[in-house]
Amino acid sequence: MFKSFINKHQLTEDFIYVAKANFVPLAEKIMGQRQSQSKGPFFVGINGCQGSGKSTLSEFLHDYIRHNSQLNVIVLSLDDFYFSQQTRLELAANIHPLLKTRGVPGTHDTKHIQQVFSQLKQADSNIVLPRFNKATGNPYPSDEWPEAIQPVDIVIFEGWCWGVQAQSEEQLVEPVNSLEKQFDTDANWRTYVNHKLLNDYQPLYAQIDFWVLLKAPSFNSVYQWRLEQEQKLLLSAQGDNRSGIMSEQQVLQFIQYYQRLTEHCLATLPASCDVVFHLNNDRKIEKIVSK
């Protein structure tokens, strides 16, 4: 299983040792908690800033649990619930121009997330799971979405801001970077994002049973990690599918949309997570804190 996983995800051999030392115990803990639960899916939330490895961790947990148990497990990503370009253009026109760019709370279809959660809990019929194409900036056609076979025992839901709480009004006053200073002078954008967090995202968090955080050393690591993601997209995309892939300068601009909540998350989320993996600048695990 380990060899096939690193080949599939183009990882180095070192990943085997990292996974056995850190991720296998996490998977075993999740399986144990699910098996002690009487019924219904066990929801696992995974937070990590861009490029931290949360997608790889999620897929490893999925493969390991399926390989070592009879539990039915699926992976969902917050990214797969992004609104289409057309909807984001409407948000930009009606609310604030910065909402044209996907990323922050308010650019996801939270009603669809709740619908999927409810269907998974009811387990009365198979459901299709949305998938978003980052290379084009739009969801894949719905007839290409995968189907989840019910009942599902474990749901792994990962996202860069998944679990982060809304900020206070005082925290919204000062801009955190040049993007906010230049394009959000009246704080309307960040106030709207914060309102969405409080009213649309936090009710969803209450349905998560177990939280995991991949904690970056600081926001300074995000640029390099995000750049690596774009380079991987470039290698895998072809033709028109390359249209949404960003240059180095575009990445530098893009991550400013994420800075406020990433820094807020790094400062506040560790205290509420069940397992925290502390990463260094090379994304290697330096410390694990578990409840």
Protein backbone atom coordinates (compact mmCIF):
# COMPACT_ATOMS: atom_id res chain seq x y z
CA MET A 1 0.00 0.00 0.00
CA PHE A 2 2.80 2.45 0.89
CA LYS A 3 4.69 1.90 -2.37
CA SER A 4 1.62 2.34 -4.52
CA PHE A 5 0.64 5.48 -2.60
CA ILE A 6 3.98 7.24 -3.10
CA ASN A 7 4.00 6.29 -6.79
CA LYS A 8 0.48 7.58 -7.29
CA HIS A 9 1.21 10.91 -5.59
CA GLN A 10 4.80 11.27 -6.83
CA LEU A 11 6.28 11.33 -3.34
CA THR A 12 9.79 10.44 -2.19
CA GLU A 13 10.62 7.19 -0.39
CA ASP A 14 10.98 9.18 2.84
CA PHE A 15 7.20 9.50 2.97
CA ILE A 16 6.93 5.86 4.01
CA TYR A 17 8.85 6.53 7.23
CA VAL A 18 6.93 9.74 7.90
CA ALA A 19 3.61 8.01 7.37
CA LYS A 20 4.42 5.01 9.56
CA ALA A 21 5.67 7.21 12.39
CA ASN A 22 2.97 9.90 12.27
CA PHE A 23 -0.01 9.19 10.03
CA VAL A 24 -0.61 5.52 10.75
CA PRO A 25 -1.16 6.22 14.49
CA LEU A 26 -3.58 9.00 13.49
CA ALA A 27 -5.49 6.64 11.18
CA GLU A 28 -5.68 4.00 13.91
CA LYS A 29 -6.98 6.59 16.37
CA ILE A 30 -9.68 7.70 13.92
CA MET A 31 -10.72 4.09 13.24
CA GLY A 32 -10.93 3.41 16.96
CA GLN A 33 -13.12 6.43 17.58
CA ARG A 34 -15.42 5.55 14.68
CA GLN A 35 -15.83 1.99 15.87
CA SER A 36 -16.82 3.19 19.34
CA GLN A 37 -19.55 5.32 17.78
CA SER A 38 -22.96 3.68 17.61
CA LYS A 39 -24.06 4.80 14.15
CA GLY A 40 -23.72 7.39 11.43
CA PRO A 41 -20.59 8.79 9.77
CA PHE A 42 -17.65 10.00 11.86
CA PHE A 43 -16.59 13.44 10.57
CA VAL A 44 -12.88 14.34 10.56
CA GLY A 45 -11.86 17.94 9.84
CA ILE A 46 -8.35 18.66 8.56
CA ASN A 47 -6.99 22.21 8.45
CA GLY A 48 -3.74 23.31 6.86
CA CYS A 49 -2.61 26.37 4.95
CA GLN A 50 -1.95 26.19 1.23
CA GLY A 51 0.67 23.60 0.34
CA SER A 52 0.93 22.17 3.86
CA GLY A 53 0.09 18.65 2.73
CA LYS A 54 -3.50 18.33 3.94
CA SER A 55 -4.69 16.76 0.68
CA THR A 56 -1.91 14.17 0.80
CA LEU A 57 -2.68 13.42 4.45
CA SER A 58 -6.39 13.10 3.68
CA GLU A 59 -5.77 10.70 0.80
CA PHE A 60 -3.35 8.64 2.91
CA LEU A 61 -5.89 8.30 5.72
CA HIS A 62 -8.49 7.28 3.14
CA ASP A 63 -6.26 4.60 1.56
CA TYR A 64 -4.90 3.27 4.85
CA ILE A 65 -8.30 2.94 6.52
CA ARG A 66 -9.85 1.24 3.50
CA HIS A 67 -6.85 -1.10 3.23
CA ASN A 68 -6.86 -2.05 6.91
CA SER A 69 -10.55 -2.19 7.80
CA GLN A 70 -14.03 -2.72 6.43
CA LEU A 71 -14.92 0.92 7.03
CA ASN A 72 -16.24 2.96 4.12
CA VAL A 73 -14.39 6.30 4.02
CA ILE A 74 -14.60 9.29 1.66
CA VAL A 75 -12.61 12.51 1.30
CA LEU A 76 -14.23 15.89 0.68
CA SER A 77 -12.38 19.15 0.09
CA LEU A 78 -13.64 22.64 0.82
CA ASP A 79 -12.09 23.59 -2.53
CA ASP A 80 -14.58 21.37 -4.35
CA PHE A 81 -17.42 23.58 -3.13
CA TYR A 82 -16.14 26.79 -4.73
CA PHE A 83 -18.72 28.78 -6.64
CA SER A 84 -18.34 28.96 -10.41
CA GLN A 85 -16.64 31.90 -12.08
CA GLN A 86 -20.01 33.30 -13.08
CA THR A 87 -21.31 33.26 -9.51
CA ARG A 88 -18.11 34.87 -8.23
CA LEU A 89 -18.46 37.59 -10.85
CA GLU A 90 -21.97 38.26 -9.57
CA LEU A 91 -20.66 38.45 -5.99
CA ALA A 92 -17.95 40.85 -7.19
CA ALA A 93 -20.50 43.07 -8.90
CA ASN A 94 -23.06 43.04 -6.10
CA ILE A 95 -20.94 42.92 -2.94
CA HIS A 96 -17.21 43.54 -3.44
CA PRO A 97 -14.79 43.21 -6.40
CA LEU A 98 -12.35 41.03 -4.40
CA LEU A 99 -14.95 38.25 -4.27
CA LYS A 100 -14.18 37.54 -7.91
CA THR A 101 -11.17 35.56 -6.68
CA ARG A 102 -11.89 32.16 -5.16
CA GLY A 103 -10.48 31.35 -1.76
CA VAL A 104 -11.99 33.16 1.18
CA PRO A 105 -15.20 32.32 3.05
CA GLY A 106 -18.08 33.58 0.96
CA THR A 107 -16.75 32.00 -2.24
CA HIS A 108 -17.91 28.49 -1.26
CA ASP A 109 -21.37 27.00 -1.60
CA THR A 110 -21.99 26.29 2.10
CA LYS A 111 -25.60 25.30 1.44
CA HIS A 112 -24.30 22.50 -0.77
CA ILE A 113 -21.88 21.42 1.98
CA GLN A 114 -24.77 21.15 4.43
CA GLN A 115 -26.83 19.26 1.87
CA VAL A 116 -24.03 16.71 1.39
CA PHE A 117 -23.54 16.36 5.16
CA SER A 118 -27.27 15.75 5.64
CA GLN A 119 -27.40 13.16 2.87
CA LEU A 120 -24.41 11.34 4.35
CA LYS A 121 -26.11 11.21 7.74
CA GLN A 122 -29.38 9.94 6.28
CA ALA A 123 -27.56 7.21 4.30
CA ASP A 124 -30.71 6.34 2.39
CA SER A 125 -29.25 6.64 -1.12
CA ASN A 126 -25.91 7.06 -2.87
CA ILE A 127 -24.87 10.66 -3.53
CA VAL A 128 -22.57 12.41 -5.99
CA LEU A 129 -19.69 14.46 -4.60
CA PRO A 130 -18.74 17.78 -6.24
CA ARG A 131 -15.33 18.27 -7.83
CA PHE A 132 -13.73 21.61 -8.76
CA ASN A 133 -11.19 22.13 -11.54
CA LYS A 134 -8.62 24.66 -10.28
CA ALA A 135 -6.93 24.80 -13.66
CA THR A 136 -10.08 26.27 -15.26
CA GLY A 137 -11.55 27.98 -12.19
CA ASN A 138 -14.88 26.18 -12.49
CA PRO A 139 -16.51 22.99 -11.18
CA TYR A 140 -16.13 19.89 -13.32
CA PRO A 141 -19.35 18.98 -15.16
CA SER A 142 -21.70 17.29 -12.70
CA ASP A 143 -21.79 14.10 -14.78
CA GLU A 144 -18.07 13.71 -13.97
CA TRP A 145 -18.58 13.90 -10.19
CA PRO A 146 -17.83 10.65 -8.31
CA GLU A 147 -20.52 8.75 -6.44
CA ALA A 148 -20.30 7.91 -2.75
CA ILE A 149 -21.68 4.48 -1.91
CA GLN A 150 -23.78 4.63 1.24
CA PRO A 151 -23.53 4.09 4.13
CA VAL A 152 -20.31 6.06 4.72
CA ASP A 153 -18.50 5.36 8.00
CA ILE A 154 -15.85 8.12 7.95
CA VAL A 155 -15.95 11.49 6.21
CA ILE A 156 -12.64 13.35 5.91
CA PHE A 157 -13.21 17.03 5.12
CA GLU A 158 -10.15 19.19 4.47
CA GLY A 159 -9.72 22.89 3.78
CA TRP A 160 -7.32 25.78 4.24
CA CYS A 161 -9.73 27.76 6.47
CA TRP A 162 -11.82 24.84 7.68
CA GLY A 163 -12.36 25.30 11.42
CA VAL A 164 -11.18 28.89 11.71
CA GLN A 165 -13.46 31.12 13.78
CA ALA A 166 -14.66 34.63 12.96
CA GLN A 167 -12.60 37.56 14.16
CA SER A 168 -13.73 40.41 16.39
CA GLU A 169 -14.72 43.75 14.88
CA GLU A 170 -11.58 45.28 16.39
CA GLN A 171 -9.38 42.78 14.55
CA LEU A 172 -10.88 43.82 11.22
CA VAL A 173 -9.95 47.50 11.48
CA GLU A 174 -6.32 47.44 10.34
CA PRO A 175 -5.35 45.94 6.96
CA VAL A 176 -2.84 43.07 7.16
CA ASN A 177 -1.21 43.53 3.74
CA SER A 178 -1.07 45.68 0.62
CA LEU A 179 -4.08 43.96 -0.96
CA GLU A 180 -6.37 44.97 1.90
CA LYS A 181 -4.79 48.41 2.15
CA GLN A 182 -5.27 49.16 -1.55
CA PHE A 183 -8.49 47.32 -2.46
CA ASP A 184 -10.41 47.05 0.83
CA THR A 185 -9.97 50.54 2.22
CA ASP A 186 -13.41 50.56 3.89
CA ALA A 187 -13.01 46.96 5.24
CA ASN A 188 -16.21 45.88 3.48
CA TRP A 189 -14.61 42.78 1.94
CA ARG A 190 -13.06 41.42 5.12
CA THR A 191 -16.21 42.28 7.07
CA TYR A 192 -18.33 40.30 4.60
CA VAL A 193 -15.90 37.35 4.79
CA ASN A 194 -16.02 37.48 8.58
CA HIS A 195 -19.82 37.58 8.57
CA LYS A 196 -19.91 34.50 6.34
CA LEU A 197 -17.52 32.68 8.68
CA LEU A 198 -19.70 33.38 11.67
CA ASN A 199 -23.07 32.59 10.13
CA ASP A 200 -22.43 30.00 7.39
CA TYR A 201 -19.21 28.15 8.27
CA GLN A 202 -19.17 27.87 12.05
CA PRO A 203 -22.51 25.97 12.14
CA LEU A 204 -20.89 23.41 9.81
CA TYR A 205 -17.87 23.04 12.13
CA ALA A 206 -20.19 21.89 14.91
CA GLN A 207 -20.82 18.69 12.93
CA ILE A 208 -17.13 17.68 12.94
CA ASP A 209 -16.22 15.01 15.51
CA PHE A 210 -12.42 15.15 15.30
CA TRP A 211 -10.03 17.94 14.27
CA VAL A 212 -6.51 17.72 12.82
CA LEU A 213 -4.20 20.68 12.10
CA LEU A 214 -1.09 20.79 9.94
CA LYS A 215 0.47 23.91 11.46
CA ALA A 216 2.91 25.92 9.35
CA PRO A 217 5.69 27.78 11.20
CA SER A 218 4.35 31.09 9.86
CA PHE A 219 2.58 32.64 6.90
CA ASN A 220 5.98 33.24 5.28
CA SER A 221 6.11 29.57 4.26
CA VAL A 222 2.90 29.77 2.26
CA TYR A 223 4.32 31.47 -0.84
CA GLN A 224 6.86 28.75 -1.60
CA TRP A 225 4.44 25.97 -0.79
CA ARG A 226 1.70 27.50 -2.96
CA LEU A 227 4.16 28.01 -5.81
CA GLU A 228 4.99 24.30 -5.74
CA GLN A 229 1.28 23.51 -6.06
CA GLU A 230 0.97 25.65 -9.19
CA GLN A 231 4.02 23.98 -10.73
CA LYS A 232 2.44 20.57 -10.17
CA LEU A 233 -0.78 21.80 -11.79
CA LEU A 234 1.22 23.04 -14.78
CA LEU A 235 2.87 19.66 -15.25
CA SER A 236 -0.44 17.79 -15.13
CA ALA A 237 -2.63 20.21 -17.12
CA GLN A 238 -2.92 20.31 -20.89
CA GLY A 239 -4.22 22.79 -23.46
CA ASP A 240 -7.07 25.00 -22.24
CA ASN A 241 -6.80 23.45 -18.77
CA ARG A 242 -3.69 25.61 -18.21
CA SER A 243 -5.66 28.84 -18.43
CA GLY A 244 -6.22 29.14 -14.68
CA ILE A 245 -2.65 28.32 -13.59
CA MET A 246 -0.84 31.26 -11.97
CA SER A 247 2.60 32.77 -12.50
CA GLU A 248 4.97 33.48 -9.60
CA GLN A 249 3.77 37.09 -9.38
CA GLN A 250 0.14 36.00 -9.48
CA VAL A 251 0.79 33.52 -6.66
CA LEU A 252 2.37 36.29 -4.58
CA GLN A 253 -0.75 38.40 -5.08
CA PHE A 254 -3.12 35.47 -4.61
CA ILE A 255 -1.86 34.40 -1.18
CA GLN A 256 -2.61 37.86 0.20
CA TYR A 257 -6.29 36.92 0.01
CA TYR A 258 -5.51 34.14 2.51
CA GLN A 259 -3.13 35.95 4.84
CA ARG A 260 -5.55 37.34 7.40
CA LEU A 261 -7.33 34.09 8.14
CA THR A 262 -4.22 31.93 7.83
CA GLU A 263 -2.48 33.97 10.52
CA HIS A 264 -5.64 33.97 12.63
CA CYS A 265 -5.84 30.20 12.26
CA LEU A 266 -2.19 29.64 13.23
CA ALA A 267 -2.74 31.72 16.37
CA THR A 268 -6.05 30.24 17.51
CA LEU A 269 -6.82 26.83 16.04
CA PRO A 270 -4.17 24.65 17.80
CA ALA A 271 -5.99 25.01 21.12
CA SER A 272 -9.18 23.41 19.77
CA CYS A 273 -7.74 20.57 17.65
CA ASP A 274 -7.43 16.94 18.71
CA VAL A 275 -4.11 16.45 16.90
CA VAL A 276 -1.66 19.18 15.81
CA PHE A 277 1.31 18.44 13.55
CA HIS A 278 3.86 21.25 13.90
CA LEU A 279 5.73 21.69 10.60
CA ASN A 280 9.03 23.41 9.81
CA ASN A 281 9.75 25.43 6.67
CA ASP A 282 10.50 22.22 4.75
CA ARG A 283 7.11 20.77 5.78
CA LYS A 284 8.75 18.19 7.99
CA ILE A 285 6.98 17.32 11.23
CA GLU A 286 8.88 18.68 14.22
CA LYS A 287 6.35 17.96 16.95
CA ILE A 288 2.95 16.37 17.49
CA VAL A 289 0.50 17.55 20.13
CA SER A 290 -2.51 15.34 20.87
CA LYS A 291 -5.38 15.66 23.28
